[in-house]
Structure formats: C-alpha cells, structure tokens
C-alpha atoms as a PDB file:
ATOM      1  CA  MET A   1     157.892 191.275 -93.940  1.00  0.00           C
ATOM      2  CA  LYS A   2     157.892 190.916 -97.718  1.00  0.00           C
ATOM      3  CA  THR A   3     160.146 188.382 -99.400  1.00  0.00           C
ATOM      4  CA  MET A   4     160.928 186.797-102.742  1.00  0.00           C
ATOM      5  CA  GLU A   5     163.461 184.278-103.959  1.00  0.00           C
ATOM      6  CA  MET A   6     165.919 185.347-106.623  1.00  0.00           C
ATOM      7  CA  GLU A   7     168.557 183.544-108.651  1.00  0.00           C
ATOM      8  CA  LEU A   8     172.140 184.624-109.221  1.00  0.00           C
ATOM      9  CA  GLN A   9     172.811 185.241-112.903  1.00  0.00           C
ATOM     10  CA  LYS A  10     176.141 186.877-113.553  1.00  0.00           C
ATOM     11  CA  VAL A  11     178.905 188.786-111.769  1.00  0.00           C
ATOM     12  CA  HIS A  12     180.028 192.034-113.419  1.00  0.00           C
ATOM     13  CA  MET A  13     183.343 193.673-112.496  1.00  0.00           C
ATOM     14  CA  ILE A  14     183.390 197.452-112.942  1.00  0.00           C
ATOM     15  CA  ARG A  15     186.580 199.474-112.456  1.00  0.00           C
ATOM     16  CA  LEU A  16     186.002 203.198-112.493  1.00  0.00           C
ATOM     17  CA  GLU A  17     188.832 205.616-113.184  1.00  0.00           C
ATOM     18  CA  LYS A  18     189.834 209.037-111.908  1.00  0.00           C
ATOM     19  CA  GLY A  19     187.202 211.679-112.647  1.00  0.00           C
ATOM     20  CA  GLU A  20     184.289 209.302-113.167  1.00  0.00           C
ATOM     21  CA  GLU A  21     181.196 209.761-110.999  1.00  0.00           C
ATOM     22  CA  LEU A  22     180.345 206.607-109.046  1.00  0.00           C
ATOM     23  CA  LEU A  23     176.536 206.631-108.952  1.00  0.00           C
ATOM     24  CA  SER A  24     175.909 207.775-112.530  1.00  0.00           C
ATOM     25  CA  SER A  25     178.561 205.372-113.872  1.00  0.00           C
ATOM     26  CA  VAL A  26     176.921 202.395-112.161  1.00  0.00           C
ATOM     27  CA  LEU A  27     173.518 203.475-113.504  1.00  0.00           C
ATOM     28  CA  GLN A  28     174.910 203.906-117.016  1.00  0.00           C
ATOM     29  CA  TYR A  29     176.366 200.379-116.915  1.00  0.00           C
ATOM     30  CA  VAL A  30     173.088 198.948-115.577  1.00  0.00           C
ATOM     31  CA  LYS A  31     171.180 200.581-118.455  1.00  0.00           C
ATOM     32  CA  GLU A  32     173.685 199.414-121.092  1.00  0.00           C
ATOM     33  CA  LYS A  33     173.517 195.812-119.865  1.00  0.00           C
ATOM     34  CA  ASN A  34     169.750 195.920-119.182  1.00  0.00           C
ATOM     35  CA  ILE A  35     170.232 194.702-115.599  1.00  0.00           C
ATOM     36  CA  LEU A  36     166.827 194.497-113.895  1.00  0.00           C
ATOM     37  CA  ALA A  37     167.970 193.573-110.387  1.00  0.00           C
ATOM     38  CA  GLY A  38     171.113 192.950-108.413  1.00  0.00           C
ATOM     39  CA  TYR A  39     173.374 193.955-105.578  1.00  0.00           C
ATOM     40  CA  LEU A  40     176.845 195.427-105.431  1.00  0.00           C
ATOM     41  CA  THR A  41     179.898 195.857-103.270  1.00  0.00           C
ATOM     42  CA  GLY A  42     183.054 197.870-103.756  1.00  0.00           C
ATOM     43  CA  ILE A  43     186.078 199.800-102.511  1.00  0.00           C
ATOM     44  CA  GLY A  44     188.250 202.631-103.813  1.00  0.00           C
ATOM     45  CA  ALA A  45     189.000 206.317-103.318  1.00  0.00           C
ATOM     46  CA  LEU A  46     186.828 209.385-103.878  1.00  0.00           C
ATOM     47  CA  GLY A  47     187.806 213.026-104.272  1.00  0.00           C
ATOM     48  CA  LYS A  48     184.704 215.036-103.576  1.00  0.00           C
ATOM     49  CA  GLY A  49     181.045 214.278-103.267  1.00  0.00           C
ATOM     50  CA  LYS A  50     178.011 214.134-101.022  1.00  0.00           C
ATOM     51  CA  ILE A  51     176.320 211.543 -98.873  1.00  0.00           C
ATOM     52  CA  GLY A  52     172.793 211.749 -97.576  1.00  0.00           C
ATOM     53  CA  PHE A  53     171.126 211.066 -94.258  1.00  0.00           C
ATOM     54  CA  PHE A  54     167.352 210.519 -94.350  1.00  0.00           C
ATOM     55  CA  ASP A  55     165.658 212.668 -91.712  1.00  0.00           C
ATOM     56  CA  THR A  56     162.508 210.774 -90.726  1.00  0.00           C
ATOM     57  CA  LYS A  57     160.863 213.900 -89.295  1.00  0.00           C
ATOM     58  CA  SER A  58     161.181 216.099 -92.386  1.00  0.00           C
ATOM     59  CA  LYS A  59     161.139 213.069 -94.729  1.00  0.00           C
ATOM     60  CA  LYS A  60     164.043 214.581 -96.651  1.00  0.00           C
ATOM     61  CA  TYR A  61     167.678 213.720 -97.205  1.00  0.00           C
ATOM     62  CA  LEU A  62     170.202 215.984 -95.500  1.00  0.00           C
ATOM     63  CA  HIS A  63     173.372 216.299 -97.606  1.00  0.00           C
ATOM     64  CA  ILE A  64     176.843 216.006 -96.104  1.00  0.00           C
ATOM     65  CA  PRO A  65     179.792 216.987 -98.345  1.00  0.00           C
ATOM     66  CA  PHE A  66     183.129 215.156 -98.300  1.00  0.00           C
ATOM     67  CA  ASN A  67     186.597 215.586 -99.861  1.00  0.00           C
ATOM     68  CA  GLU A  68     189.546 213.212-100.436  1.00  0.00           C
ATOM     69  CA  VAL A  69     188.509 209.989 -98.729  1.00  0.00           C
ATOM     70  CA  GLU A  70     189.037 206.261 -98.992  1.00  0.00           C
ATOM     71  CA  LEU A  71     185.944 204.341-100.059  1.00  0.00           C
ATOM     72  CA  LEU A  72     186.132 201.716 -97.309  1.00  0.00           C
ATOM     73  CA  ALA A  73     182.852 200.014 -98.134  1.00  0.00           C
ATOM     74  CA  CYS A  74     180.215 200.428-100.776  1.00  0.00           C
ATOM     75  CA  THR A  75     177.085 198.303-100.809  1.00  0.00           C
ATOM     76  CA  GLY A  76     173.750 198.620-102.513  1.00  0.00           C
ATOM     77  CA  ASN A  77     171.077 197.208-104.742  1.00  0.00           C
ATOM     78  CA  ILE A  78     169.673 197.648-108.223  1.00  0.00           C
ATOM     79  CA  ALA A  79     165.966 197.732-109.081  1.00  0.00           C
ATOM     80  CA  LYS A  80     163.551 199.595-111.349  1.00  0.00           C
ATOM     81  CA  ASN A  81     161.256 202.425-110.328  1.00  0.00           C
ATOM     82  CA  LYS A  82     157.738 201.072-110.928  1.00  0.00           C
ATOM     83  CA  ASP A  83     156.398 204.497-111.984  1.00  0.00           C
ATOM     84  CA  THR A  84     159.182 205.619-114.331  1.00  0.00           C
ATOM     85  CA  GLN A  85     160.584 202.198-115.343  1.00  0.00           C
ATOM     86  CA  GLU A  86     164.057 203.721-114.853  1.00  0.00           C
ATOM     87  CA  PRO A  87     166.781 201.775-113.021  1.00  0.00           C
ATOM     88  CA  VAL A  88     167.647 202.830-109.481  1.00  0.00           C
ATOM     89  CA  ALA A  89     170.973 202.193-107.765  1.00  0.00           C
ATOM     90  CA  HIS A  90     170.457 202.531-104.010  1.00  0.00           C
ATOM     91  CA  ILE A  91     173.980 202.699-102.605  1.00  0.00           C
ATOM     92  CA  HIS A  92     175.355 203.296 -99.113  1.00  0.00           C
ATOM     93  CA  ILE A  93     179.022 204.023 -98.478  1.00  0.00           C
ATOM     94  CA  VAL A  94     181.469 204.188 -95.584  1.00  0.00           C
ATOM     95  CA  LEU A  95     184.337 206.644 -96.037  1.00  0.00           C
ATOM     96  CA  GLY A  96     187.614 207.094 -94.171  1.00  0.00           C
ATOM     97  CA  ASP A  97     189.520 210.383 -93.986  1.00  0.00           C
ATOM     98  CA  ILE A  98     193.219 211.146 -93.497  1.00  0.00           C
ATOM     99  CA  ASP A  99     192.789 211.058 -89.695  1.00  0.00           C
ATOM    100  CA  GLY A 100     191.130 207.644 -89.765  1.00  0.00           C
ATOM    101  CA  LYS A 101     187.680 209.027 -89.009  1.00  0.00           C
ATOM    102  CA  CYS A 102     184.745 207.390 -90.723  1.00  0.00           C
ATOM    103  CA  LEU A 103     181.636 208.866 -92.277  1.00  0.00           C
ATOM    104  CA  GLY A 104     178.812 206.965 -93.869  1.00  0.00           C
ATOM    105  CA  GLY A 105     175.478 207.361 -95.539  1.00  0.00           C
ATOM    106  CA  HIS A 106     173.443 207.234 -98.722  1.00  0.00           C
ATOM    107  CA  LEU A 107     175.540 207.964-101.828  1.00  0.00           C
ATOM    108  CA  VAL A 108     174.342 211.150-103.527  1.00  0.00           C
ATOM    109  CA  GLU A 109     177.440 211.689-105.674  1.00  0.00           C
ATOM    110  CA  GLY A 110     181.112 210.829-105.549  1.00  0.00           C
ATOM    111  CA  ILE A 111     183.934 211.604-107.976  1.00  0.00           C
ATOM    112  CA  VAL A 112     186.594 208.897-108.191  1.00  0.00           C
ATOM    113  CA  SER A 113     190.067 210.196-107.255  1.00  0.00           C
ATOM    114  CA  VAL A 114     192.103 207.041-107.945  1.00  0.00           C
ATOM    115  CA  THR A 115     189.841 204.074-108.671  1.00  0.00           C
ATOM    116  CA  ALA A 116     186.616 202.404-107.613  1.00  0.00           C
ATOM    117  CA  GLU A 117     186.430 198.619-107.904  1.00  0.00           C
ATOM    118  CA  ILE A 118     182.859 197.400-107.966  1.00  0.00           C
ATOM    119  CA  TYR A 119     181.464 193.884-108.191  1.00  0.00           C
ATOM    120  CA  LEU A 120     177.848 193.896-109.328  1.00  0.00           C
ATOM    121  CA  VAL A 121     175.912 190.636-108.968  1.00  0.00           C
ATOM    122  CA  GLU A 122     172.985 190.423-111.370  1.00  0.00           C
ATOM    123  CA  THR A 123     169.905 188.586-110.072  1.00  0.00           C
ATOM    124  CA  LYS A 124     166.610 187.499-111.610  1.00  0.00           C
ATOM    125  CA  PRO A 125     163.729 188.056-111.769  1.00  0.00           C
ATOM    126  CA  GLY A 126     163.617 191.851-111.876  1.00  0.00           C
ATOM    127  CA  ILE A 127     162.331 193.775-108.891  1.00  0.00           C
ATOM    128  CA  PHE A 128     160.578 197.128-108.604  1.00  0.00           C
ATOM    129  CA  ARG A 129     160.677 200.036-106.188  1.00  0.00           C
ATOM    130  CA  THR A 130     157.222 201.377-105.367  1.00  0.00           C
ATOM    131  CA  LYS A 131     156.308 204.538-103.514  1.00  0.00           C
ATOM    132  CA  ASP A 132     155.798 204.172 -99.771  1.00  0.00           C
ATOM    133  CA  GLU A 133     153.108 206.664 -98.790  1.00  0.00           C
ATOM    134  CA  ASP A 134     154.378 206.997 -95.208  1.00  0.00           C
ATOM    135  CA  THR A 135     157.928 208.087 -96.093  1.00  0.00           C
ATOM    136  CA  GLY A 136     157.557 209.229 -99.698  1.00  0.00           C
ATOM    137  CA  LEU A 137     160.483 206.956-100.590  1.00  0.00           C
ATOM    138  CA  TYR A 138     160.489 204.342-103.334  1.00  0.00           C
ATOM    139  CA  LEU A 139     161.135 201.066-101.483  1.00  0.00           C
ATOM    140  CA  LEU A 140     161.848 197.576-102.772  1.00  0.00           C
ATOM    141  CA  ASN A 141     158.657 195.629-103.402  1.00  0.00           C
ATOM    142  CA  PRO A 142     159.715 191.968-103.326  1.00  0.00           C
ATOM    143  CA  LYS A 143     156.525 190.509-104.783  1.00  0.00           C
ATOM    144  CA  ASN A 144     156.310 193.144-107.553  1.00  0.00           C
END
C-alpha cells in the first residue's frame, strides 16, 4: 500500500453543454487552471462515445461503444504523467440506457447530449502517475 495525505483546496463546478466532449473538456479546464491533483464526480447525459475495459491478459483496453445514455455516475481523479508532465484525467462512468440497463467502464470519449454537471475538487500537493512495468499502465504514485 502506498499513501499520502492531501489537502482540499478549491471546488470547481463545470457544466458542459451539448456537443462538448467530456474527457477532453475536463482536461482542457485542468490545463487552463493549472490543477495538479484532484478528484471529480458528475452526472448528465451523453449521446455517443466509448468506454474501455482493461483486459489483464492482453494488457490492453477493449472499447465498447454507446449511444444516447444517461450519465448516472462519473468519478475519477486528476494527476500528472511523470514522463510527459501532461495532466491525466482518469475517469470511470456508469451509464443507463432507455431500458434501464447499465453499462460502466473507463471513459474513452463521450459527447454530451444535454448537459454534464461536474464537480472537480482540487487537492494539493500535486501527484504523479508513473509507469507500472507489470501492466504497462501509468498508476498513481502517492509519494511522488
């Protein structure tokens, strides 16, 4: 187990509008505000997009497309990639379709169909993602 203590800094409210892409919009905001670390939660509605499921055998994300869904839950974290120094928004979502069926996974892309209401909580100090040799993924490294 790796841990670190962080302090809450500021709460940002982000309301995305029809046609905006969820993941890239969050990343754009994070860059503009120079947010080094944080976590987020949100709800809304998405038109089309893709979620991912990480296959531990192939060590690759499998993509699952979706269309016209409610964004029932959106949760994730913000950190910087240690190698590139670029911000990373690692977001998971749960979606509901017209029949009430749910689908969830790693957000790859999602176009807002009505709105997406996101609360982003900025924390300090910053935190990095470093490459895990076993999975090939960039994982949070709490002690930096």
